[in-house]
Amino acid sequence: MEHETNGLSVNDRSKKFRHELKYKIPYSDYLAMKSRLSHVMKRDPHTDADGTYIIRSIYFDNTEDKALKEKIQGIQKREKFRIRYYNDDLSRIALEKKMKINRLCLKYSAPLTEEECRKILAGDISWMKTHPSELVREFYAKLRYLRLKPRVTVSYVREPYIYVPGNVRVTFDSKIRSSMYSRDFLEPDLSDISATDAPDDMILEVKYDEFLPEVICNLIQVKDLKQESFSKYGICRRFG
């Protein structure tokens, strides 16, 4: 059993927490920031030729919408589970647990096979209780006693930049789309709809460790830029 100090388990405190800032920006600001950042930051090496990749995630919540309500209410310590893959590549599927504690974020990840993912989506989970991954075993327990279920699929295009000092990662997310049908999560012809109010809506995310270098802070500054508590899971749950 894990012992807790100040609300954090021993395992949680051994991980590195990161700051995460989010901003909703117009397309014109994206173009200006991209131009400035490209002279200082490097593109993520895992992107396609155009500097982007596609992310598809399925989020889990219970029938009382525990994760969604905690986000809306601004609960200081909260977590949510999702399964994610990139660029329609089903050979690299990951189970992720994302925690937020007092404005700091922490993410755990464990690989899943396509077969394991399909079993989870079908409700076949008994095999998980003896899985070698601690995260998969934890997810099994919470699927059982929290009654977590697949609630929404979230897809979007990400354009990421990296800066080594401060371990900074700046990303632009666009074309956010949503589907309520979990059975199609692994299918290339997933039927989904736009989740944003305008086609050109962009989400700027800035993640870093202990400090945000001044040079990056200056590069992302534009008029009327305001930090927001933006959640892709939350915005995609507007439809159900």
Protein backbone atom coordinates (compact mmCIF):
# COMPACT_ATOMS: atom_id res chain seq x y z
CA MET A 1 0.00 0.00 0.00
CA GLU A 2 1.24 3.51 -0.85
CA HIS A 3 1.69 5.98 1.99
CA GLU A 4 0.63 9.55 1.33
CA THR A 5 2.23 12.83 2.35
CA ASN A 6 0.42 16.11 1.68
CA GLY A 7 -2.01 14.23 -0.54
CA LEU A 8 0.72 12.71 -2.76
CA SER A 9 1.65 9.05 -2.82
CA VAL A 10 5.28 7.97 -2.63
CA ASN A 11 5.18 6.99 -6.31
CA ASP A 12 3.69 10.35 -7.30
CA ARG A 13 6.35 12.30 -5.42
CA SER A 14 9.14 10.35 -7.14
CA LYS A 15 7.96 11.60 -10.56
CA LYS A 16 8.73 14.99 -12.03
CA PHE A 17 5.78 17.34 -12.11
CA ARG A 18 5.51 19.84 -14.94
CA HIS A 19 3.86 23.21 -15.38
CA GLU A 20 1.21 23.37 -18.07
CA LEU A 21 -0.22 26.59 -19.50
CA LYS A 22 -3.05 26.67 -22.04
CA TYR A 23 -4.29 29.47 -24.27
CA LYS A 24 -6.99 29.71 -26.91
CA ILE A 25 -5.58 31.80 -29.76
CA PRO A 26 -6.78 33.02 -33.16
CA TYR A 27 -5.11 31.73 -36.31
CA SER A 28 -3.32 35.05 -36.91
CA ASP A 29 -1.55 34.79 -33.53
CA TYR A 30 -0.58 31.20 -34.33
CA LEU A 31 1.12 32.32 -37.55
CA ALA A 32 3.03 35.06 -35.74
CA MET A 33 4.15 32.78 -32.90
CA LYS A 34 5.12 29.98 -35.25
CA SER A 35 7.35 32.32 -37.21
CA ARG A 36 9.14 33.49 -34.06
CA LEU A 37 9.42 30.10 -32.40
CA SER A 38 10.88 28.40 -35.47
CA HIS A 39 14.04 30.51 -35.12
CA VAL A 40 14.67 29.38 -31.53
CA MET A 41 12.95 26.03 -30.94
CA LYS A 42 13.35 22.73 -32.75
CA ARG A 43 10.60 20.69 -34.29
CA ASP A 44 9.74 17.47 -32.55
CA PRO A 45 11.60 14.71 -34.47
CA HIS A 46 8.53 12.43 -34.37
CA THR A 47 6.44 14.67 -36.62
CA ASP A 48 5.61 14.17 -40.29
CA ALA A 49 7.16 16.21 -43.08
CA ASP A 50 4.76 19.09 -42.39
CA GLY A 51 5.82 19.27 -38.73
CA THR A 52 2.59 17.81 -37.32
CA TYR A 53 1.08 14.53 -36.19
CA ILE A 54 -2.45 13.35 -35.49
CA ILE A 55 -3.44 12.33 -31.96
CA ARG A 56 -6.47 10.21 -31.19
CA SER A 57 -7.47 9.50 -27.58
CA ILE A 58 -10.40 7.84 -25.87
CA TYR A 59 -11.20 9.14 -22.38
CA PHE A 60 -12.75 7.16 -19.54
CA ASP A 61 -15.17 8.42 -16.90
CA ASN A 62 -17.95 6.97 -14.79
CA THR A 63 -21.70 7.39 -15.12
CA GLU A 64 -21.60 10.28 -12.64
CA ASP A 65 -18.99 12.09 -14.80
CA LYS A 66 -16.50 12.23 -11.93
CA ALA A 67 -13.52 13.40 -14.03
CA LEU A 68 -15.58 15.95 -15.94
CA LYS A 69 -17.17 17.46 -12.82
CA GLU A 70 -13.82 17.68 -11.01
CA LYS A 71 -12.42 19.59 -13.99
CA ILE A 72 -15.38 22.01 -14.10
CA GLN A 73 -15.26 22.54 -10.31
CA GLY A 74 -11.49 23.12 -10.34
CA ILE A 75 -10.68 20.34 -7.88
CA GLN A 76 -6.98 20.77 -7.01
CA LYS A 77 -6.06 17.08 -7.11
CA ARG A 78 -7.64 15.07 -9.89
CA GLU A 79 -6.84 12.41 -12.47
CA LYS A 80 -8.18 10.97 -15.68
CA PHE A 81 -7.39 7.92 -17.80
CA ARG A 82 -7.14 7.75 -21.57
CA ILE A 83 -5.86 5.45 -24.31
CA ARG A 84 -3.95 7.17 -27.10
CA TYR A 85 -2.20 6.54 -30.40
CA TYR A 86 -0.63 8.66 -33.13
CA ASN A 87 -0.99 8.92 -36.91
CA ASP A 88 -3.30 5.88 -37.09
CA ASP A 89 -0.39 3.66 -35.99
CA LEU A 90 -1.94 0.87 -33.92
CA SER A 91 1.44 -0.70 -33.20
CA ARG A 92 2.12 2.00 -30.57
CA ILE A 93 -0.94 2.38 -28.36
CA ALA A 94 -0.51 3.78 -24.86
CA LEU A 95 -2.60 3.81 -21.71
CA GLU A 96 -2.09 7.11 -19.91
CA LYS A 97 -3.03 8.49 -16.51
CA LYS A 98 -2.84 12.25 -16.27
CA MET A 99 -2.83 13.86 -12.83
CA LYS A 100 -3.17 17.51 -11.92
CA ILE A 101 -2.20 18.77 -8.47
CA ASN A 102 -2.21 22.48 -7.63
CA ARG A 103 -1.55 23.61 -11.23
CA LEU A 104 1.18 21.01 -11.74
CA CYS A 105 0.75 18.06 -14.10
CA LEU A 106 2.07 14.53 -14.05
CA LYS A 107 1.62 11.79 -16.63
CA TYR A 108 2.11 8.03 -16.40
CA SER A 109 2.15 5.85 -19.53
CA ALA A 110 2.17 2.13 -20.35
CA PRO A 111 2.10 0.42 -23.76
CA LEU A 112 -0.91 -1.62 -24.85
CA THR A 113 -1.24 -4.00 -27.77
CA GLU A 114 -4.09 -3.56 -30.23
CA GLU A 115 -5.63 -6.79 -28.92
CA GLU A 116 -5.46 -5.53 -25.31
CA CYS A 117 -7.04 -2.23 -26.32
CA ARG A 118 -9.89 -3.95 -28.13
CA LYS A 119 -10.53 -6.13 -25.08
CA ILE A 120 -10.75 -3.08 -22.81
CA LEU A 121 -13.19 -1.36 -25.15
CA ALA A 122 -15.31 -4.54 -25.23
CA GLY A 123 -15.39 -4.73 -21.42
CA ASP A 124 -13.12 -7.80 -21.24
CA ILE A 125 -10.79 -6.71 -18.43
CA SER A 126 -10.13 -9.70 -16.13
CA TRP A 127 -6.68 -10.26 -17.70
CA MET A 128 -5.59 -6.80 -16.54
CA LYS A 129 -5.37 -7.70 -12.84
CA THR A 130 -2.20 -9.76 -13.46
CA HIS A 131 -0.67 -7.53 -16.13
CA PRO A 132 3.07 -6.79 -15.68
CA SER A 133 2.40 -3.03 -15.87
CA GLU A 134 1.50 -1.40 -12.55
CA LEU A 135 -0.48 1.27 -14.42
CA VAL A 136 -2.58 -1.33 -16.24
CA ARG A 137 -3.31 -3.06 -12.93
CA GLU A 138 -4.31 0.28 -11.36
CA PHE A 139 -6.56 1.01 -14.33
CA TYR A 140 -8.20 -2.40 -13.89
CA ALA A 141 -8.97 -1.61 -10.25
CA LYS A 142 -10.51 1.75 -11.15
CA LEU A 143 -12.48 0.30 -14.02
CA ARG A 144 -14.00 -2.00 -11.42
CA TYR A 145 -14.62 0.12 -8.34
CA LEU A 146 -15.08 3.52 -10.03
CA ARG A 147 -17.06 1.91 -12.88
CA LEU A 148 -15.08 3.79 -15.52
CA LYS A 149 -16.33 3.48 -19.10
CA PRO A 150 -15.20 4.86 -22.49
CA ARG A 151 -16.96 8.24 -22.75
CA VAL A 152 -15.61 10.18 -25.73
CA THR A 153 -13.02 10.03 -28.50
CA VAL A 154 -10.92 13.14 -29.07
CA SER A 155 -8.86 13.65 -32.23
CA TYR A 156 -6.71 16.62 -33.23
CA VAL A 157 -3.66 17.78 -35.15
CA ARG A 158 -0.62 18.78 -33.07
CA GLU A 159 2.34 20.91 -34.15
CA PRO A 160 5.05 20.59 -31.45
CA TYR A 161 8.27 22.50 -30.74
CA ILE A 162 10.94 21.69 -28.15
CA TYR A 163 13.55 23.72 -26.27
CA VAL A 164 16.07 21.86 -24.11
CA PRO A 165 16.71 24.45 -21.35
CA GLY A 166 13.82 24.04 -18.92
CA ASN A 167 12.61 21.02 -20.90
CA VAL A 168 10.10 23.26 -22.67
CA ARG A 169 7.51 21.97 -25.09
CA VAL A 170 5.25 24.34 -27.03
CA THR A 171 2.42 22.85 -29.05
CA PHE A 172 -0.31 24.18 -31.32
CA ASP A 173 -3.42 21.98 -31.45
CA SER A 174 -6.07 22.37 -34.14
CA LYS A 175 -8.92 20.56 -35.89
CA ILE A 176 -10.25 19.17 -32.61
CA ARG A 177 -12.92 16.58 -33.34
CA SER A 178 -15.14 14.39 -31.19
CA SER A 179 -17.00 11.10 -31.40
CA MET A 180 -19.18 9.45 -28.77
CA TYR A 181 -18.92 5.97 -30.29
CA SER A 182 -16.12 4.09 -28.54
CA ARG A 183 -16.42 1.02 -30.75
CA ASP A 184 -14.92 3.00 -33.65
CA PHE A 185 -11.87 4.24 -31.71
CA LEU A 186 -9.38 2.04 -33.57
CA GLU A 187 -11.00 2.36 -36.99
CA PRO A 188 -9.49 4.67 -39.66
CA ASP A 189 -12.92 5.81 -40.89
CA LEU A 190 -14.10 7.04 -37.48
CA SER A 191 -17.22 9.18 -37.77
CA ASP A 192 -16.68 12.39 -35.77
CA ILE A 193 -17.59 16.07 -35.72
CA SER A 194 -15.79 19.34 -35.05
CA ALA A 195 -15.68 20.21 -31.35
CA THR A 196 -14.64 23.87 -31.64
CA ASP A 197 -16.77 26.91 -32.35
CA ALA A 198 -14.71 28.01 -35.36
CA PRO A 199 -12.64 25.91 -37.82
CA ASP A 200 -9.52 28.03 -37.25
CA ASP A 201 -9.55 27.82 -33.44
CA MET A 202 -6.08 26.97 -32.11
CA ILE A 203 -4.98 25.82 -28.67
CA LEU A 204 -1.52 26.86 -27.51
CA GLU A 205 0.00 24.68 -24.77
CA VAL A 206 3.27 25.45 -22.99
CA LYS A 207 4.81 22.76 -20.77
CA TYR A 208 8.01 23.06 -18.76
CA ASP A 209 9.77 21.80 -15.63
CA GLU A 210 11.00 24.22 -12.95
CA PHE A 211 11.22 27.38 -15.05
CA LEU A 212 10.11 28.88 -18.35
CA PRO A 213 13.09 30.55 -20.06
CA GLU A 214 12.58 34.26 -20.67
CA VAL A 215 13.31 33.88 -24.38
CA ILE A 216 10.35 31.49 -24.78
CA CYS A 217 8.12 33.63 -22.59
CA ASN A 218 8.82 36.61 -24.85
CA LEU A 219 8.23 34.64 -28.04
CA ILE A 220 4.72 33.53 -27.09
CA GLN A 221 3.55 36.96 -25.94
CA VAL A 222 0.82 38.57 -28.04
CA LYS A 223 -1.76 41.22 -27.27
CA ASP A 224 -4.67 40.08 -25.06
CA LEU A 225 -3.20 36.60 -24.52
CA LYS A 226 -4.98 35.11 -21.49
CA GLN A 227 -4.31 31.78 -19.81
CA GLU A 228 -7.40 29.54 -19.82
CA SER A 229 -8.44 26.36 -18.10
CA PHE A 230 -9.04 24.57 -21.40
CA SER A 231 -9.79 20.86 -21.58
CA LYS A 232 -10.13 18.95 -24.85
CA TYR A 233 -11.97 16.26 -22.92
CA GLY A 234 -14.33 18.88 -21.50
CA ILE A 235 -15.07 20.59 -24.80
CA CYS A 236 -15.69 17.26 -26.54
CA ARG A 237 -18.12 16.20 -23.80
CA ARG A 238 -20.44 19.05 -24.78
CA PHE A 239 -22.16 16.62 -27.13
CA GLY A 240 -22.97 13.99 -24.55
